[in-house]
Protein backbone atom coordinates (compact mmCIF):
# COMPACT_ATOMS: atom_id res chain seq x y z
CA MET A 1 100.58 113.89 121.85
CA SER A 2 97.13 115.09 120.70
CA PHE A 3 96.43 114.97 117.06
CA ASP A 4 96.54 118.84 116.75
CA ASN A 5 99.66 119.10 118.21
CA LEU A 6 101.56 116.42 115.93
CA CYS A 7 100.57 118.38 113.31
CA LYS A 8 101.79 121.74 114.50
CA LEU A 9 104.99 119.06 115.14
CA LEU A 10 105.09 118.09 111.22
CA SER A 11 104.81 121.46 109.57
CA GLU A 12 107.69 123.05 111.71
CA LYS A 13 110.05 119.68 110.60
CA ASN A 14 109.28 121.01 106.73
CA PRO A 15 108.10 124.50 106.89
CA ASP A 16 108.75 124.70 103.13
CA ILE A 17 106.28 122.08 102.27
CA PHE A 18 103.30 123.33 104.66
CA ALA A 19 103.35 126.79 103.74
CA SER A 20 103.36 125.52 99.80
CA TRP A 21 100.74 122.78 100.31
CA VAL A 22 98.13 125.31 102.81
CA LEU A 23 99.25 129.03 100.28
CA GLY A 24 98.69 127.12 96.88
CA THR A 25 102.43 128.24 95.64
CA PRO A 26 105.73 126.87 96.08
CA GLN A 27 107.25 128.09 99.01
CA THR A 28 110.93 128.35 99.90
CA ALA A 29 113.48 129.32 103.01
CA VAL A 30 111.01 129.10 105.26
CA THR A 31 111.47 129.58 108.91
CA VAL A 32 109.47 128.99 111.99
CA LEU A 33 108.51 131.70 114.22
CA LYS A 34 109.14 130.88 118.15
CA THR A 35 107.58 133.11 119.11
CA GLU A 36 105.47 134.25 122.92
CA LEU A 37 102.13 135.38 122.64
CA SER A 38 101.95 135.77 126.20
CA ILE A 39 98.53 137.36 127.20
CA GLU A 40 95.52 134.70 127.07
CA PRO A 41 93.86 133.05 126.43
CA ILE A 42 96.19 132.01 123.49
CA ARG A 43 96.80 128.43 122.68
CA ALA A 44 101.08 128.58 121.14
CA ASP A 45 101.52 124.80 121.99
CA TYR A 46 98.72 124.41 118.96
CA VAL A 47 99.50 126.99 116.52
CA THR A 48 102.88 127.49 113.87
CA PHE A 49 103.98 130.63 112.72
CA LEU A 50 106.19 130.58 109.47
CA GLN A 51 108.31 133.56 108.39
CA LEU A 52 108.31 133.65 104.89
CA GLN A 53 109.60 136.87 102.31
CA GLU A 54 108.12 139.51 103.68
CA ARG A 55 104.65 137.55 105.56
CA ILE A 56 103.88 135.82 108.59
CA LEU A 57 101.85 132.51 107.95
CA HIS A 58 99.72 131.60 111.17
CA LEU A 59 98.55 127.55 110.36
CA GLU A 60 96.57 126.06 112.83
CA PHE A 61 95.57 122.70 112.96
CA GLN A 62 91.76 121.88 115.25
CA THR A 63 89.67 118.55 114.94
CA LYS A 64 87.08 120.71 116.09
CA LEU A 65 85.78 123.44 116.00
CA GLU A 66 84.58 124.16 119.52
CA SER A 67 87.06 126.18 121.36
CA THR A 68 87.19 129.06 123.80
CA PRO A 69 87.51 131.46 122.70
CA PRO A 70 85.27 130.84 120.01
CA LEU A 71 87.59 130.28 117.06
CA PRO A 72 86.47 134.02 115.47
CA LEU A 73 88.23 136.15 118.38
CA ARG A 74 90.77 133.75 118.85
CA MET A 75 92.48 134.43 115.19
CA LEU A 76 92.02 138.30 115.54
CA ASP A 77 93.51 137.84 118.57
CA TYR A 78 96.53 136.40 117.04
CA TRP A 79 96.38 138.69 114.20
CA VAL A 80 97.02 141.57 116.31
CA ARG A 81 99.89 140.31 118.37
CA LEU A 82 101.30 139.06 115.09
CA TYR A 83 101.10 142.33 113.86
CA ARG A 84 101.64 144.21 116.61
CA LEU A 85 105.12 142.16 116.79
CA TYR A 86 105.93 142.55 113.20
CA ARG A 87 104.48 144.97 111.32
CA LEU A 88 104.54 142.49 108.57
CA PRO A 89 101.34 141.16 106.54
CA ILE A 90 99.65 137.92 108.51
CA THR A 91 98.06 134.91 106.39
CA GLN A 92 96.20 132.73 109.06
CA VAL A 93 95.19 129.38 107.88
CA VAL A 94 93.17 126.93 110.09
CA VAL A 95 93.34 123.33 109.05
CA LEU A 96 89.75 121.51 109.99
CA LEU A 97 91.38 117.51 110.68
CA LEU A 98 87.53 116.40 110.47
CA PRO A 99 84.22 117.59 109.86
CA PRO A 100 82.12 119.16 112.50
CA ALA A 101 78.45 117.79 113.14
CA PRO A 102 75.97 118.84 110.28
CA ASP A 103 74.08 122.04 112.17
CA GLN A 104 77.02 123.50 112.83
CA VAL A 105 78.65 126.53 110.52
CA ILE A 106 82.68 126.80 110.07
CA GLU A 107 83.04 130.58 110.09
CA THR A 108 85.89 131.98 108.51
CA VAL A 109 85.28 135.68 109.34
CA PHE A 110 85.12 137.36 113.17
CA HIS A 111 82.67 140.61 112.51
CA VAL A 112 81.49 142.88 115.30
CA GLU A 113 80.26 146.12 114.79
CA ASN A 114 82.72 147.98 111.93
CA THR A 115 85.66 145.44 112.81
CA ARG A 116 85.69 142.68 110.52
CA HIS A 117 88.62 139.72 109.67
CA GLU A 118 89.17 137.11 107.50
CA TYR A 119 90.91 134.31 107.54
CA ARG A 120 90.92 130.75 105.11
CA VAL A 121 89.96 126.90 106.66
CA ILE A 122 90.95 124.18 104.96
CA ARG A 123 88.63 121.42 105.05
CA MET A 124 91.03 118.10 105.40
CA TRP A 125 87.85 115.77 104.11
CA GLU A 126 87.79 117.56 100.83
CA GLU A 127 91.59 118.06 100.22
CA ASN A 128 92.71 115.90 96.85
CA PRO A 129 94.69 112.56 99.00
CA GLN A 130 97.05 112.28 95.46
CA LEU A 131 98.94 115.84 96.55
CA PHE A 132 99.28 113.66 100.24
CA LEU A 133 100.43 110.67 98.74
CA ASP A 134 102.34 112.00 96.22
CA GLU A 135 104.82 114.35 99.13
CA PRO A 136 106.36 111.99 102.22
CA ALA A 137 106.34 115.41 104.47
CA LEU A 138 102.21 115.53 104.12
CA LEU A 139 101.80 111.66 104.07
CA PRO A 140 100.26 111.75 107.82
CA LEU A 141 97.59 113.42 107.00
CA ALA A 142 96.56 111.35 103.94
CA PRO A 143 93.88 108.95 105.70
CA LEU A 144 91.84 112.37 106.40
CA ALA A 145 91.45 113.59 102.75
CA ALA A 146 88.85 113.36 100.19
CA THR A 147 88.05 109.90 99.59
CA THR A 148 84.60 107.56 98.63
CA GLN A 149 86.07 104.55 99.66
CA PRO A 150 88.03 105.32 102.49
CA GLN A 151 89.13 101.28 103.32
CA THR A 152 90.92 101.93 99.77
CA LEU A 153 92.52 105.13 100.58
CA LEU A 154 94.22 103.57 103.46
CA GLN A 155 95.63 100.89 101.78
CA GLN A 156 96.95 103.21 99.49
CA VAL A 157 98.42 105.15 102.66
CA VAL A 158 99.83 102.02 103.79
CA GLN A 159 101.88 101.07 100.56
CA ARG A 160 103.33 104.49 100.21
CA VAL A 161 104.90 104.59 103.29
CA ASN A 162 106.04 101.04 102.50
CA GLN A 163 107.83 102.52 99.53
CA LEU A 164 109.76 105.17 101.87
CA GLU A 165 113.41 104.97 102.70
CA PRO A 166 114.11 102.56 106.20
CA GLU A 167 115.09 105.70 108.12
CA GLU A 168 111.99 107.49 107.65
CA LYS A 169 109.61 104.92 107.30
CA SER A 170 108.96 103.87 111.13
CA GLN A 171 108.31 107.60 111.75
CA VAL A 172 106.02 108.30 108.89
CA SER A 173 104.38 105.29 109.55
CA ALA A 174 104.12 105.78 113.62
CA TYR A 175 102.55 109.92 112.24
CA THR A 176 100.48 107.92 109.83
CA GLN A 177 98.41 105.94 112.09
CA ILE A 178 98.11 108.39 114.89
CA LEU A 179 96.64 110.49 112.73
CA ALA A 180 94.67 107.82 110.97
CA GLY A 181 92.82 106.67 114.46
CA LEU A 182 90.73 109.84 114.21
CA LYS A 183 88.61 108.14 110.88
CA TYR A 184 89.35 104.51 111.24
CA LYS A 185 88.97 102.15 113.57
CA LYS A 186 92.01 100.73 115.45
CA ASP A 187 92.20 97.31 114.19
CA LEU A 188 91.68 98.17 111.14
CA ILE A 189 94.45 100.49 111.25
CA GLN A 190 97.13 98.14 112.78
CA GLN A 191 95.71 95.10 110.24
CA LEU A 192 96.62 96.95 107.18
CA PHE A 193 99.93 98.44 108.35
CA ARG A 194 100.59 94.82 109.96
CA GLU A 195 99.99 93.83 106.32
CA GLY A 196 101.67 95.76 104.38
CA MET A 197 104.82 95.79 106.31
CA MET A 198 104.82 91.92 105.88
CA ARG A 199 104.09 92.21 101.98
CA GLU A 200 107.73 94.69 101.72
CA SER A 201 109.68 92.40 104.04
CA VAL A 202 112.52 89.34 102.28
CA ILE A 203 111.17 86.77 104.41
CA TYR A 204 107.33 87.30 103.08
CA GLN A 205 108.73 87.87 99.59
CA ASP A 206 110.41 84.19 100.29
CA ILE A 207 107.51 82.95 101.72
CA LEU A 208 105.44 84.07 99.05
CA SER A 209 107.21 82.77 96.30
CA GLU A 210 107.60 79.39 97.81
CA GLY A 211 103.99 79.64 98.60
CA GLU A 212 103.57 80.01 94.93
CA LYS A 213 105.31 76.79 93.70
CA ILE A 214 103.75 74.77 96.05
CA GLY A 215 100.73 75.40 94.46
CA GLU A 216 101.86 74.87 91.48
CA GLN A 217 103.23 71.35 92.11
CA ARG A 218 99.77 70.34 93.69
CA GLY A 219 98.37 71.62 90.41
CA GLU A 220 100.46 69.87 88.28
CA GLN A 221 99.76 66.85 91.12
CA ARG A 222 96.14 67.26 90.49
CA GLU A 223 96.35 66.98 86.44
CA ARG A 224 98.40 64.19 86.43
CA SER A 225 95.87 62.73 88.84
CA LEU A 226 93.16 62.92 86.54
CA ILE A 227 94.87 61.77 83.39
CA LEU A 228 95.67 58.75 85.10
CA ARG A 229 91.85 58.20 86.31
CA LEU A 230 90.66 59.31 83.03
CA LEU A 231 93.64 56.44 82.08
CA THR A 232 91.79 53.78 83.75
CA ARG A 233 88.40 54.45 82.63
CA ARG A 234 89.42 53.96 79.20
CA VAL A 235 91.85 51.37 78.75
CA GLY A 236 91.34 49.79 82.33
CA GLU A 237 93.72 49.20 85.43
CA LEU A 238 97.70 50.11 84.47
CA PRO A 239 100.61 47.90 85.59
CA GLN A 240 102.49 50.06 87.94
CA SER A 241 105.45 50.70 86.01
CA MET A 242 103.86 52.33 83.28
CA ARG A 243 101.47 54.50 86.06
CA GLU A 244 104.97 55.12 86.82
CA ARG A 245 105.85 56.41 83.30
CA VAL A 246 102.90 58.67 83.18
CA GLU A 247 103.97 59.85 86.70
CA THR A 248 107.43 61.51 85.17
CA LEU A 249 105.89 63.26 82.02
CA SER A 250 106.55 66.93 82.25
CA LEU A 251 103.35 69.30 81.91
CA GLU A 252 103.09 69.53 78.47
CA GLN A 253 103.12 66.34 77.90
CA VAL A 254 100.41 65.30 80.15
CA GLU A 255 98.16 67.59 78.22
CA HIS A 256 98.70 66.47 74.95
CA LEU A 257 97.99 62.48 76.82
CA GLY A 258 94.41 64.04 77.87
CA GLU A 259 94.05 65.11 74.08
CA ALA A 260 95.62 61.66 72.77
CA LEU A 261 94.26 59.60 75.42
CA LEU A 262 90.29 59.92 73.64
CA ASP A 263 91.68 57.59 70.79
CA PHE A 264 93.24 55.02 72.67
CA GLN A 265 91.30 51.77 73.03
CA ALA A 266 93.42 49.73 75.43
CA ILE A 267 96.92 49.99 77.05
CA ALA A 268 98.81 49.44 73.66
CA ASP A 269 97.51 52.22 72.41
CA LEU A 270 99.13 54.20 75.77
CA GLU A 271 102.34 52.50 75.41
CA THR A 272 102.58 53.29 72.01
CA TRP A 273 102.07 56.90 72.33
CA LEU A 274 104.69 56.47 75.76
CA ASN A 275 107.39 54.87 73.39
CA THR A 276 106.73 57.79 71.00
CA ILE A 277 107.64 60.60 72.86
CA ALA A 278 110.46 58.72 74.49
CA SER A 279 112.07 58.73 70.89
């Protein structure tokens, strides 16, 4: 499936949401027009026609500006055919998924002599990503939105995908990874989505929790080992029975021992201290 055809699929699955986004105002009761515009040249497989209240929205997604015929002429061609069929006002919006080359001009008008026809162009790379992060239906487009930290944005997208309900998560994840492929390297996409899915899993959480416990235990063991070495240097080699008593101390008691041993002069001082906390 091509990138622009995937966007057509998404817009027809959620026409209200896509119409609200591109028009900037809430839209309800939007329906998809399955219009056949038979005269060539046309690319009806890549465009979406939405029926609004007393208006038609022609929505088209493009990965690049180049087309045959040129985009301005094609938009005029669509407008004439749609108006001939429905006799309704028509709003035309082209969503450019990627920025063009620096020397390319993004045209928004067809103009030849007395004929002038205008349409809107949305530049995905200038869109605020928060809108797409907040709306699951638009989430697959979020990786293409404006950002100065692309990897951070992709991580936010992964996190948001993982917050979805299970029944929609896998599908949205697949769509998002496909569109992210326009901008990000495949290895990075796979890595972040794989890590994100793992973080959300119960098994991963159990492994992480267990790892934290092991880390805490190792930290306590290191602290006890340090205290035993300091005691040996302070009062000499400890009897095995006394070492075992030190090793059974709680972490808090070990910390107190670390302060007390500075005043020890002999093993008897350690024994007195141990007897004190045991009483």
